[in-house]
């Protein structure tokens, strides 16, 4: 597990520094130059995407576990280092983040333009795009951090720009007064912040406890010392530290019953910010379960597995059932995401290579499919000015391209074979069946419910008689097609040919399985000779 520190160009730092500097420059654009701020943010996000692509190309799946490593002393007296490194899981999620941000920027092109109503304040366009870039920088750096204290700082710091994005730039489609909409946005933003701050404070106590036990914050050094027997933790100590880390990650993920902030946040945020929440920021929680919980606390992870599998199953079924009963399009997607995160967490703690590979692929594929569905839903909502399903009908007759892309996004959400999420869900279920067959059987109900809420949503909004309010609804414009078409293409490509992604992810999963000293269960039926 030893690392080779790269002395060349600090590529990982640059990948996070570009959006960070871009956020500052975007915020500094004069108030009258809103369009310039938009183009600057888009350019910065594209440069970041290029750097992420370079990271992807330079990463060697069969090489060292952590690559492109950077390590510098930061707070010497406490052993805190600015230490970065990426494995296959981190590389995949960095690529996902860098890929989605340009589409988020394009989709939100007009979401922060000034409002003219008397009761609405001017919305700073520059601030909106600067905050998105700031979140991107922190998320990318969190996928790179191999110092526990550095990761904790990023884990908490990203809450600040997200709070302002939810509370200050909410969805304009609401049924009540502007004052009521502002109150709902404020409630959603505060709830998001409080839930995650509580999780973060508990994690801080665990981080301090880890330092007391290990004497440093380096993930690789602690894990190596544990594997070699040089560092031993008492059983109770390890379990308490594990629970402190896991609680924070379960809030971020979000896992039932710590999930209730997500429907409020996604419902009140603009569609691009909703994508930023569930497709980007929430992935930090599930990623951290793989990187920190399993690697630092392998015995405690195995000890907690039955309870976590149970909570994941509740998330799968509960989230899907509530999605079926939703009247609000965005809240339906939010509850569907809770169900999908249940699959991801179940795959992680199934402790099989198929389950963990599937969970990692699910993180990537869920990000792409949710982005496609939610952004098209946002375009739909912006045309009608309502999030209520009942306010739509017959859209496919007046806007067939919008309806078609909405359908593909929905079919990806229900994991239709041939689209990327199917591969992920299949691997998660195979990996779970191998060790926990009863859990695998229960989890399949989530697939049935996903088909129900997705197809009912499409039927009620896109088919049937054309409602008077949607007769003049325009189809997708060029900018909107530029957002949706690449995401649809990716869903199809990764659904048919997932090998490029699995080749990157599988070696990292092998290392993780080694951390927890688990092997895949042997087949019960011998192969025919």
Protein backbone atom coordinates (compact mmCIF):
# COMPACT_ATOMS: atom_id res chain seq x y z
CA UNK A 1 0.00 0.00 0.00
CA UNK A 2 3.03 2.25 -0.13
CA UNK A 3 2.75 5.32 -2.29
CA UNK A 4 5.11 6.78 -4.83
CA UNK A 5 4.89 10.58 -4.60
CA UNK A 6 4.93 12.22 -8.00
CA UNK A 7 7.42 15.03 -8.31
CA UNK A 8 6.08 16.34 -11.63
CA UNK A 9 3.12 18.55 -12.48
CA UNK A 10 0.51 18.47 -9.65
CA UNK A 11 -2.32 17.24 -11.86
CA UNK A 12 -4.75 16.40 -9.05
CA UNK A 13 -4.32 19.80 -7.45
CA UNK A 14 -4.79 21.50 -10.81
CA UNK A 15 -8.03 19.59 -11.46
CA UNK A 16 -9.54 21.04 -8.28
CA UNK A 17 -7.75 24.42 -8.43
CA UNK A 18 -9.14 25.39 -11.85
CA UNK A 19 -12.80 25.44 -10.73
CA UNK A 20 -11.80 27.06 -7.42
CA UNK A 21 -10.02 29.91 -9.18
CA UNK A 22 -12.81 30.01 -11.75
CA UNK A 23 -15.35 30.49 -8.95
CA UNK A 24 -13.44 33.52 -7.68
CA UNK A 25 -13.11 35.02 -11.15
CA UNK A 26 -16.77 34.40 -11.97
CA UNK A 27 -17.89 36.06 -8.74
CA UNK A 28 -15.68 39.06 -9.57
CA UNK A 29 -17.29 39.72 -12.97
CA UNK A 30 -19.08 43.13 -12.90
CA UNK A 31 -22.80 42.96 -12.14
CA UNK A 32 -23.77 44.24 -15.58
CA UNK A 33 -21.83 41.47 -17.37
CA UNK A 34 -24.04 38.52 -16.52
CA UNK A 35 -23.56 36.82 -19.89
CA UNK A 36 -19.78 37.06 -19.56
CA UNK A 37 -20.00 35.36 -16.17
CA UNK A 38 -21.98 32.50 -17.70
CA UNK A 39 -19.50 31.95 -20.50
CA UNK A 40 -16.58 32.16 -18.09
CA UNK A 41 -18.16 29.51 -15.84
CA UNK A 42 -18.79 27.26 -18.84
CA UNK A 43 -15.21 27.68 -20.07
CA UNK A 44 -13.80 26.88 -16.62
CA UNK A 45 -15.97 23.76 -16.36
CA UNK A 46 -14.75 22.59 -19.78
CA UNK A 47 -11.09 23.14 -18.83
CA UNK A 48 -11.74 21.12 -15.68
CA UNK A 49 -13.26 18.37 -17.81
CA UNK A 50 -10.12 18.28 -19.95
CA UNK A 51 -7.93 17.96 -16.84
CA UNK A 52 -10.16 15.18 -15.50
CA UNK A 53 -9.78 13.42 -18.85
CA UNK A 54 -5.98 13.69 -18.50
CA UNK A 55 -6.24 12.14 -15.01
CA UNK A 56 -8.32 9.33 -16.50
CA UNK A 57 -5.80 8.71 -19.28
CA UNK A 58 -2.76 8.80 -16.99
CA UNK A 59 -4.31 6.46 -14.45
CA UNK A 60 -3.10 2.86 -14.84
CA UNK A 61 -5.76 0.39 -13.64
CA UNK A 62 -3.21 -2.35 -13.04
CA UNK A 63 -0.69 -0.08 -11.30
CA UNK A 64 -0.31 1.15 -7.73
CA UNK A 65 -3.47 1.46 -5.68
CA UNK A 66 -3.14 5.24 -5.28
CA UNK A 67 -1.62 7.08 -8.21
CA UNK A 68 -0.68 10.67 -9.17
CA UNK A 69 0.10 11.11 -5.47
CA UNK A 70 0.90 14.52 -3.98
CA UNK A 71 2.03 14.92 -0.39
CA UNK A 72 3.06 18.10 1.43
CA UNK A 73 3.23 19.05 5.08
CA UNK A 74 0.31 21.28 6.13
CA UNK A 75 -0.16 21.46 9.92
CA UNK A 76 3.05 19.82 11.06
CA UNK A 77 2.37 19.84 14.81
CA UNK A 78 -0.74 17.68 14.34
CA UNK A 79 0.54 15.52 11.52
CA UNK A 80 -1.92 16.97 9.01
CA UNK A 81 -0.76 16.75 5.41
CA UNK A 82 -2.03 17.97 2.08
CA UNK A 83 -2.07 14.47 0.68
CA UNK A 84 -3.82 13.47 -2.53
CA UNK A 85 -4.08 10.26 -4.53
CA UNK A 86 -6.62 8.48 -6.70
CA UNK A 87 -7.69 4.88 -7.12
CA UNK A 88 -10.06 3.56 -9.77
CA UNK A 89 -13.15 4.50 -7.77
CA UNK A 90 -11.95 8.06 -7.22
CA UNK A 91 -10.99 8.48 -10.88
CA UNK A 92 -14.44 7.35 -12.03
CA UNK A 93 -16.20 9.81 -9.72
CA UNK A 94 -13.89 12.69 -10.64
CA UNK A 95 -14.71 12.03 -14.29
CA UNK A 96 -18.44 11.96 -13.46
CA UNK A 97 -18.25 15.27 -11.59
CA UNK A 98 -16.24 17.04 -14.27
CA UNK A 99 -18.56 15.67 -16.96
CA UNK A 100 -21.80 16.81 -15.32
CA UNK A 101 -20.81 20.36 -14.33
CA UNK A 102 -20.77 21.80 -17.91
CA UNK A 103 -24.26 20.38 -18.45
CA UNK A 104 -25.40 21.81 -15.12
CA UNK A 105 -24.05 25.22 -16.13
CA UNK A 106 -25.74 25.07 -19.55
CA UNK A 107 -29.02 23.85 -18.09
CA UNK A 108 -29.02 26.65 -15.53
CA UNK A 109 -28.15 29.33 -18.08
CA UNK A 110 -31.20 31.45 -17.20
CA UNK A 111 -31.99 30.16 -13.71
CA UNK A 112 -30.36 33.08 -11.93
CA UNK A 113 -31.37 35.88 -14.28
CA UNK A 114 -32.96 38.87 -12.49
CA UNK A 115 -36.62 38.67 -11.58
CA UNK A 116 -38.84 41.66 -12.25
CA UNK A 117 -41.61 41.02 -9.69
CA UNK A 118 -41.89 43.53 -6.86
CA UNK A 119 -41.49 41.00 -4.09
CA UNK A 120 -38.40 39.34 -5.59
CA UNK A 121 -34.89 40.58 -5.10
CA UNK A 122 -32.32 40.69 -7.85
CA UNK A 123 -30.63 37.31 -8.11
CA UNK A 124 -26.85 37.60 -8.68
CA UNK A 125 -26.11 35.51 -11.75
CA UNK A 126 -22.39 35.64 -11.06
CA UNK A 127 -22.90 34.21 -7.58
CA UNK A 128 -24.98 31.31 -8.86
CA UNK A 129 -22.32 30.05 -11.26
CA UNK A 130 -19.46 30.84 -8.87
CA UNK A 131 -21.10 28.66 -6.21
CA UNK A 132 -21.49 25.77 -8.65
CA UNK A 133 -17.78 25.94 -9.51
CA UNK A 134 -16.88 26.13 -5.82
CA UNK A 135 -18.85 22.95 -5.13
CA UNK A 136 -17.13 21.25 -8.06
CA UNK A 137 -13.69 22.11 -6.69
CA UNK A 138 -14.48 20.77 -3.22
CA UNK A 139 -16.10 17.57 -4.47
CA UNK A 140 -13.20 16.76 -6.80
CA UNK A 141 -10.67 17.41 -4.03
CA UNK A 142 -12.66 15.19 -1.63
CA UNK A 143 -12.38 12.31 -4.13
CA UNK A 144 -8.61 12.89 -4.18
CA UNK A 145 -7.88 13.44 -0.47
CA UNK A 146 -6.03 10.64 1.34
CA UNK A 147 -5.55 12.65 4.52
CA UNK A 148 -8.56 12.12 6.80
CA UNK A 149 -8.46 15.65 8.25
CA UNK A 150 -8.23 17.24 4.79
CA UNK A 151 -11.18 15.14 3.66
CA UNK A 152 -13.19 16.24 6.70
CA UNK A 153 -12.55 19.92 5.95
CA UNK A 154 -13.79 19.47 2.37
CA UNK A 155 -16.72 17.28 3.49
CA UNK A 156 -17.97 20.14 5.67
CA UNK A 157 -16.93 23.12 3.53
CA UNK A 158 -19.03 22.05 0.54
CA UNK A 159 -22.15 22.56 2.67
CA UNK A 160 -21.72 26.35 2.57
CA UNK A 161 -22.09 26.93 -1.19
CA UNK A 162 -24.81 24.27 -1.34
CA UNK A 163 -26.77 26.08 1.37
CA UNK A 164 -26.78 29.29 -0.65
CA UNK A 165 -27.61 27.48 -3.90
CA UNK A 166 -30.68 25.87 -2.31
CA UNK A 167 -31.86 28.83 -0.25
CA UNK A 168 -30.91 31.70 -2.52
CA UNK A 169 -31.64 30.31 -5.98
CA UNK A 170 -34.76 28.20 -5.60
CA UNK A 171 -37.14 26.86 -8.20
CA UNK A 172 -39.39 29.53 -9.72
CA UNK A 173 -42.22 27.04 -10.29
CA UNK A 174 -44.38 27.16 -7.18
CA UNK A 175 -48.07 27.33 -6.40
CA UNK A 176 -48.06 29.85 -3.55
CA UNK A 177 -46.94 33.44 -3.14
CA UNK A 178 -43.34 34.56 -3.59
CA UNK A 179 -43.07 34.96 0.18
CA UNK A 180 -44.27 31.40 0.74
CA UNK A 181 -41.83 30.07 -1.87
CA UNK A 182 -38.97 31.93 -0.18
CA UNK A 183 -39.95 30.45 3.18
CA UNK A 184 -40.00 26.94 1.70
CA UNK A 185 -36.58 27.45 0.13
CA UNK A 186 -35.20 28.74 3.42
CA UNK A 187 -36.65 25.75 5.29
CA UNK A 188 -35.14 23.29 2.78
CA UNK A 189 -31.72 24.98 2.92
CA UNK A 190 -31.64 25.09 6.73
CA UNK A 191 -32.78 21.46 6.99
CA UNK A 192 -30.06 20.42 4.54
CA UNK A 193 -27.44 22.32 6.52
CA UNK A 194 -28.50 21.13 9.97
CA UNK A 195 -28.72 17.46 9.04
CA UNK A 196 -25.30 17.49 7.43
CA UNK A 197 -23.71 19.61 10.16
CA UNK A 198 -24.86 17.19 12.84
CA UNK A 199 -23.38 14.33 10.84
CA UNK A 200 -20.19 16.32 10.37
CA UNK A 201 -19.84 17.09 14.08
CA UNK A 202 -20.15 13.42 14.96
CA UNK A 203 -17.56 12.65 12.30
CA UNK A 204 -15.24 15.29 13.77
CA UNK A 205 -15.31 13.49 17.11
CA UNK A 206 -14.43 10.26 15.29
CA UNK A 207 -11.62 11.97 13.36
CA UNK A 208 -10.12 13.21 16.63
CA UNK A 209 -10.51 9.75 18.13
CA UNK A 210 -8.74 8.22 15.14
CA UNK A 211 -5.82 10.62 15.62
CA UNK A 212 -5.58 9.72 19.30
CA UNK A 213 -5.42 6.03 18.41
CA UNK A 214 -3.22 6.22 15.29
CA UNK A 215 -1.12 9.35 15.86
CA UNK A 216 -1.66 10.72 12.34
CA UNK A 217 -4.35 11.38 9.73
CA UNK A 218 -2.86 9.60 6.71
CA UNK A 219 -5.33 7.07 5.32
CA UNK A 220 -2.62 5.03 3.63
CA UNK A 221 -0.31 4.96 6.66
CA UNK A 222 -3.08 4.00 9.07
CA UNK A 223 -4.46 1.31 6.75
CA UNK A 224 -0.96 -0.08 6.15
CA UNK A 225 -0.22 -0.15 9.88
CA UNK A 226 -3.51 -1.95 10.54
CA UNK A 227 -2.88 -4.51 7.80
CA UNK A 228 0.64 -5.26 9.08
CA UNK A 229 -0.48 -5.54 12.70
CA UNK A 230 1.57 -2.53 13.86
CA UNK A 231 -1.61 -0.67 14.81
CA UNK A 232 -4.27 -2.50 16.76
CA UNK A 233 -7.59 -1.04 17.88
CA UNK A 234 -9.73 -2.33 20.69
CA UNK A 235 -12.98 -3.78 19.35
CA UNK A 236 -15.20 -1.21 21.07
CA UNK A 237 -12.97 1.66 19.95
CA UNK A 238 -13.02 0.56 16.34
CA UNK A 239 -16.79 0.19 16.37
CA UNK A 240 -17.35 3.62 17.88
CA UNK A 241 -15.01 5.26 15.37
CA UNK A 242 -16.71 3.41 12.51
CA UNK A 243 -20.15 4.58 13.67
CA UNK A 244 -18.93 8.19 13.84
CA UNK A 245 -17.70 8.09 10.25
CA UNK A 246 -20.59 6.04 8.91
CA UNK A 247 -23.27 8.28 10.46
CA UNK A 248 -21.93 11.33 8.62
CA UNK A 249 -21.68 9.43 5.34
CA UNK A 250 -25.19 7.98 5.76
CA UNK A 251 -26.61 11.49 6.14
CA UNK A 252 -24.85 12.66 3.00
CA UNK A 253 -25.73 9.50 1.02
CA UNK A 254 -28.70 9.70 2.15
CA UNK A 255 -29.73 6.48 3.92
CA UNK A 256 -33.04 5.90 5.67
CA UNK A 257 -33.94 7.28 8.25
CA UNK A 258 -31.46 10.15 7.72
CA UNK A 259 -32.85 10.98 4.28
CA UNK A 260 -35.64 13.47 4.96
CA UNK A 261 -33.64 16.55 3.96
CA UNK A 262 -33.26 15.36 0.34
CA UNK A 263 -36.85 15.68 -0.98
CA UNK A 264 -37.10 19.20 0.45
CA UNK A 265 -33.74 20.26 -0.97
CA UNK A 266 -34.31 18.80 -4.43
CA UNK A 267 -37.89 20.03 -4.57
CA UNK A 268 -37.06 23.64 -3.75
CA UNK A 269 -33.76 23.90 -5.66
CA UNK A 270 -33.56 24.61 -9.37
CA UNK A 271 -33.30 21.47 -11.53
CA UNK A 272 -29.53 21.94 -12.18
CA UNK A 273 -28.86 22.39 -8.45
CA UNK A 274 -31.01 19.33 -7.71
CA UNK A 275 -28.72 17.39 -10.08
CA UNK A 276 -25.70 18.85 -8.30
CA UNK A 277 -27.08 17.57 -4.99
CA UNK A 278 -27.98 14.00 -5.86
CA UNK A 279 -25.68 13.24 -8.81
CA UNK A 280 -22.52 14.88 -7.46
CA UNK A 281 -22.48 15.91 -3.78
CA UNK A 282 -24.31 12.88 -2.39
CA UNK A 283 -21.80 10.57 -4.07
CA UNK A 284 -19.19 11.80 -1.59
CA UNK A 285 -21.06 9.88 1.11
CA UNK A 286 -21.11 6.52 -0.65
CA UNK A 287 -17.55 7.01 -1.93
CA UNK A 288 -16.36 7.66 1.64
CA UNK A 289 -17.98 4.44 2.85
CA UNK A 290 -15.75 2.53 0.44
CA UNK A 291 -12.61 4.55 1.02
CA UNK A 292 -12.69 5.26 4.75
CA UNK A 293 -15.15 2.94 6.53
CA UNK A 294 -14.01 -0.29 4.90
CA UNK A 295 -10.34 0.58 4.71
CA UNK A 296 -9.88 2.04 8.21
CA UNK A 297 -12.35 -0.11 10.14
CA UNK A 298 -12.63 -3.49 8.38
CA UNK A 299 -13.77 -5.52 11.40
CA UNK A 300 -16.33 -2.93 12.47
CA UNK A 301 -17.62 -2.76 8.89
CA UNK A 302 -18.29 -6.51 8.93
CA UNK A 303 -19.86 -6.22 12.39
CA UNK A 304 -22.30 -3.52 11.22
CA UNK A 305 -23.13 -5.12 7.87
CA UNK A 306 -26.44 -6.84 8.86
CA UNK A 307 -27.91 -3.59 10.20
CA UNK A 308 -26.67 -1.55 7.23
CA UNK A 309 -28.07 -4.07 4.73
CA UNK A 310 -31.41 -3.82 6.53
CA UNK A 311 -31.39 -0.01 6.40
CA UNK A 312 -30.45 -0.15 2.72
CA UNK A 313 -33.38 -2.46 2.00
CA UNK A 314 -35.74 -0.09 3.80
CA UNK A 315 -34.36 2.77 1.69
CA UNK A 316 -34.92 0.80 -1.51
CA UNK A 317 -38.54 -0.11 -0.79
CA UNK A 318 -39.54 2.99 1.17
CA UNK A 319 -38.08 5.42 -1.37
CA UNK A 320 -39.75 3.61 -4.27
CA UNK A 321 -43.14 3.44 -2.51
CA UNK A 322 -43.11 7.16 -1.75
CA UNK A 323 -42.05 7.90 -5.33
CA UNK A 324 -45.15 6.06 -6.55
CA UNK A 325 -47.41 8.35 -4.53
CA UNK A 326 -45.80 11.69 -5.40
CA UNK A 327 -47.70 14.50 -7.14
CA UNK A 328 -44.58 16.67 -7.56
CA UNK A 329 -42.23 15.68 -10.40
CA UNK A 330 -39.03 16.75 -8.65
CA UNK A 331 -39.92 15.13 -5.34
CA UNK A 332 -40.66 11.91 -7.23
CA UNK A 333 -37.12 11.94 -8.64
CA UNK A 334 -35.79 12.69 -5.13
CA UNK A 335 -37.52 9.66 -3.58
CA UNK A 336 -36.39 7.52 -6.52
CA UNK A 337 -32.82 8.60 -5.73
CA UNK A 338 -33.24 7.51 -2.10
CA UNK A 339 -34.21 4.08 -3.43
CA UNK A 340 -31.20 4.01 -5.74
CA UNK A 341 -28.80 5.00 -2.96
CA UNK A 342 -30.16 2.04 -1.03
CA UNK A 343 -28.97 -0.21 -3.88
CA UNK A 344 -25.54 1.46 -3.82
CA UNK A 345 -25.09 1.01 -0.07
CA UNK A 346 -26.37 -2.56 -0.20
CA UNK A 347 -23.80 -3.33 -2.92
CA UNK A 348 -20.98 -1.83 -0.84
CA UNK A 349 -21.79 -3.83 2.28
CA UNK A 350 -22.67 -7.08 0.50
CA UNK A 351 -18.90 -7.60 0.75
CA UNK A 352 -18.61 -9.23 -2.67
CA UNK A 353 -16.61 -8.07 -5.68
CA UNK A 354 -19.73 -8.03 -7.88
CA UNK A 355 -21.63 -5.99 -5.30
CA UNK A 356 -18.91 -3.39 -4.83
CA UNK A 357 -18.19 -3.13 -8.57
CA UNK A 358 -21.90 -2.70 -9.16
CA UNK A 359 -22.16 -0.09 -6.39
CA UNK A 360 -19.33 1.96 -7.93
CA UNK A 361 -20.83 1.69 -11.40
CA UNK A 362 -24.20 2.61 -9.88
CA UNK A 363 -22.71 5.83 -8.51
CA UNK A 364 -21.58 6.83 -11.99
CA UNK A 365 -24.62 5.60 -13.89
CA UNK A 366 -27.10 7.00 -11.37
CA UNK A 367 -25.41 10.38 -11.76
CA UNK A 368 -25.84 10.31 -15.53
CA UNK A 369 -29.41 8.94 -15.56
CA UNK A 370 -30.65 11.27 -12.81
CA UNK A 371 -29.05 14.23 -14.56
CA UNK A 372 -30.79 13.32 -17.82
CA UNK A 373 -34.21 12.84 -16.19
CA UNK A 374 -34.08 15.80 -13.82
CA UNK A 375 -32.73 18.27 -16.36
CA UNK A 376 -35.40 17.35 -18.91
CA UNK A 377 -37.96 17.61 -16.11
CA UNK A 378 -36.56 21.07 -15.36
CA UNK A 379 -36.99 22.13 -18.99
CA UNK A 380 -40.57 20.83 -18.86
CA UNK A 381 -41.34 22.64 -15.60
CA UNK A 382 -39.86 25.93 -16.84
CA UNK A 383 -42.26 25.87 -19.81
CA UNK A 384 -45.42 25.24 -17.79
CA UNK A 385 -44.41 26.92 -14.52
CA UNK A 386 -45.62 24.01 -12.39
CA UNK A 387 -44.04 20.98 -10.73
CA UNK A 388 -47.36 19.16 -10.30
CA UNK A 389 -47.86 16.05 -12.42
CA UNK A 390 -51.59 16.77 -12.72
CA UNK A 391 -50.89 20.01 -14.62
CA UNK A 392 -49.52 18.11 -17.62
CA UNK A 393 -50.93 15.81 -20.28
CA UNK A 394 -50.36 15.07 -23.96
CA UNK A 395 -46.92 16.71 -24.04
CA UNK A 396 -45.57 14.13 -26.51
CA UNK A 397 -47.97 15.46 -29.17
CA UNK A 398 -46.68 19.04 -28.96
CA UNK A 399 -43.04 18.45 -27.90
CA UNK A 400 -42.04 14.97 -29.11
CA UNK A 401 -38.28 15.40 -28.61
CA UNK A 402 -38.77 16.58 -25.03
CA UNK A 403 -41.10 13.64 -24.39
CA UNK A 404 -38.68 11.17 -26.00
CA UNK A 405 -35.69 12.27 -23.97
CA UNK A 406 -37.84 12.28 -20.83
CA UNK A 407 -38.82 8.68 -21.59
CA UNK A 408 -35.22 7.54 -22.08
CA UNK A 409 -34.19 9.22 -18.83
CA UNK A 410 -37.08 7.50 -17.08
CA UNK A 411 -36.28 4.10 -18.58
CA UNK A 412 -32.69 4.50 -17.41
CA UNK A 413 -34.01 5.26 -13.93
CA UNK A 414 -35.90 1.95 -13.88
CA UNK A 415 -32.73 0.19 -15.10
CA UNK A 416 -34.00 -1.00 -18.48
CA UNK A 417 -31.61 -3.53 -20.10
CA UNK A 418 -29.47 -1.78 -22.71
CA UNK A 419 -29.11 1.38 -20.61
CA UNK A 420 -26.22 1.97 -18.21
CA UNK A 421 -27.97 1.61 -14.80
CA UNK A 422 -29.08 -1.94 -15.67
CA UNK A 423 -25.49 -3.20 -15.53
CA UNK A 424 -24.97 -1.61 -12.12
CA UNK A 425 -28.20 -2.88 -10.60
CA UNK A 426 -27.65 -6.36 -11.99
CA UNK A 427 -24.17 -6.58 -10.44
CA UNK A 428 -25.43 -5.27 -7.09
CA UNK A 429 -28.20 -7.87 -7.01
CA UNK A 430 -25.89 -10.71 -8.10
CA UNK A 431 -23.37 -9.72 -5.42
CA UNK A 432 -26.07 -9.48 -2.78
CA UNK A 433 -27.71 -12.78 -3.71
CA UNK A 434 -24.33 -14.51 -3.37
CA UNK A 435 -24.07 -13.66 0.34
CA UNK A 436 -27.53 -12.45 1.43
CA UNK A 437 -30.14 -14.16 -0.77
CA UNK A 438 -33.13 -12.98 1.29
CA UNK A 439 -31.95 -9.36 1.03
CA UNK A 440 -31.52 -9.81 -2.72
CA UNK A 441 -35.08 -11.09 -3.09
CA UNK A 442 -36.51 -8.16 -1.11
CA UNK A 443 -34.44 -5.67 -3.10
CA UNK A 444 -35.96 -6.84 -6.37
CA UNK A 445 -39.25 -5.27 -5.29
CA UNK A 446 -37.55 -1.94 -5.84
CA UNK A 447 -37.21 -2.80 -9.54
CA UNK A 448 -40.93 -3.47 -9.86
CA UNK A 449 -41.83 -0.26 -8.04
CA UNK A 450 -39.35 1.71 -10.18
CA UNK A 451 -41.15 0.55 -13.32
CA UNK A 452 -44.44 1.61 -11.73
CA UNK A 453 -43.49 5.16 -10.73
CA UNK A 454 -41.56 5.83 -13.93
CA UNK A 455 -44.19 4.63 -16.37
CA UNK A 456 -47.07 6.22 -14.44
CA UNK A 457 -45.16 9.53 -14.44
CA UNK A 458 -44.65 9.33 -18.20
CA UNK A 459 -48.24 8.31 -18.85
CA UNK A 460 -49.72 11.15 -16.81
CA UNK A 461 -47.49 13.88 -18.19
CA UNK A 462 -46.75 12.89 -21.77
CA UNK A 463 -49.69 10.84 -23.06
CA UNK A 464 -53.45 11.31 -23.23
CA UNK A 465 -55.39 14.39 -24.33
CA UNK A 466 -53.39 17.60 -24.75
CA UNK A 467 -54.15 19.99 -21.91
CA UNK A 468 -54.92 23.55 -22.92
CA UNK A 469 -51.95 24.93 -20.98
CA UNK A 470 -49.43 22.83 -22.90
CA UNK A 471 -50.77 23.32 -26.45
CA UNK A 472 -48.21 26.03 -27.21
CA UNK A 473 -45.33 24.37 -25.35
CA UNK A 474 -42.14 24.56 -27.46
CA UNK A 475 -39.93 21.54 -28.00
CA UNK A 476 -36.32 21.35 -26.80
CA UNK A 477 -34.14 24.19 -28.03
CA UNK A 478 -30.56 23.90 -29.26
CA UNK A 479 -29.01 24.68 -25.85
CA UNK A 480 -31.26 22.16 -24.15
CA UNK A 481 -30.48 19.49 -26.73
CA UNK A 482 -26.79 20.15 -26.18
CA UNK A 483 -27.38 19.30 -22.52
CA UNK A 484 -29.52 16.19 -22.94
CA UNK A 485 -28.17 14.48 -26.08
CA UNK A 486 -24.67 13.64 -24.70
CA UNK A 487 -26.17 12.24 -21.49
CA UNK A 488 -28.55 10.01 -23.46
CA UNK A 489 -25.66 8.86 -25.67
CA UNK A 490 -23.60 7.97 -22.59
CA UNK A 491 -26.46 6.01 -21.06
CA UNK A 492 -26.71 3.92 -24.22
CA UNK A 493 -22.95 3.50 -24.68
CA UNK A 494 -22.25 2.42 -21.09
CA UNK A 495 -25.33 0.21 -21.17
CA UNK A 496 -24.04 -1.69 -24.19
CA UNK A 497 -20.29 -1.50 -23.49
CA UNK A 498 -19.46 -0.92 -19.79
CA UNK A 499 -15.98 -2.48 -20.06
CA UNK A 500 -14.01 0.81 -20.08
CA UNK A 501 -15.53 1.68 -16.72
CA UNK A 502 -15.27 -1.79 -15.17
CA UNK A 503 -11.60 -2.04 -16.18
CA UNK A 504 -10.88 1.06 -14.09
CA UNK A 505 -13.06 0.15 -11.13
CA UNK A 506 -12.41 -3.58 -10.63
CA UNK A 507 -8.77 -3.38 -9.41
CA UNK A 508 -9.80 -0.85 -6.75
CA UNK A 509 -12.65 -3.15 -5.68
CA UNK A 510 -10.13 -6.00 -5.36
CA UNK A 511 -8.08 -3.86 -2.97
CA UNK A 512 -11.18 -2.99 -0.95
CA UNK A 513 -12.14 -6.66 -0.65
CA UNK A 514 -8.62 -7.35 0.58
CA UNK A 515 -8.97 -4.58 3.20
CA UNK A 516 -11.95 -6.32 4.79
CA UNK A 517 -10.39 -9.77 4.23
CA UNK A 518 -13.38 -11.05 2.31
CA UNK A 519 -13.60 -13.42 -0.62
CA UNK A 520 -16.53 -14.06 -2.90
CA UNK A 521 -18.67 -17.01 -1.77
CA UNK A 522 -18.00 -20.19 -3.72
CA UNK A 523 -20.79 -21.26 -6.11
CA UNK A 524 -23.12 -23.81 -4.53
CA UNK A 525 -23.47 -25.71 -7.81
CA UNK A 526 -20.33 -27.12 -9.35
CA UNK A 527 -19.69 -26.43 -13.01
CA UNK A 528 -20.25 -29.36 -15.37
CA UNK A 529 -17.06 -31.13 -16.35
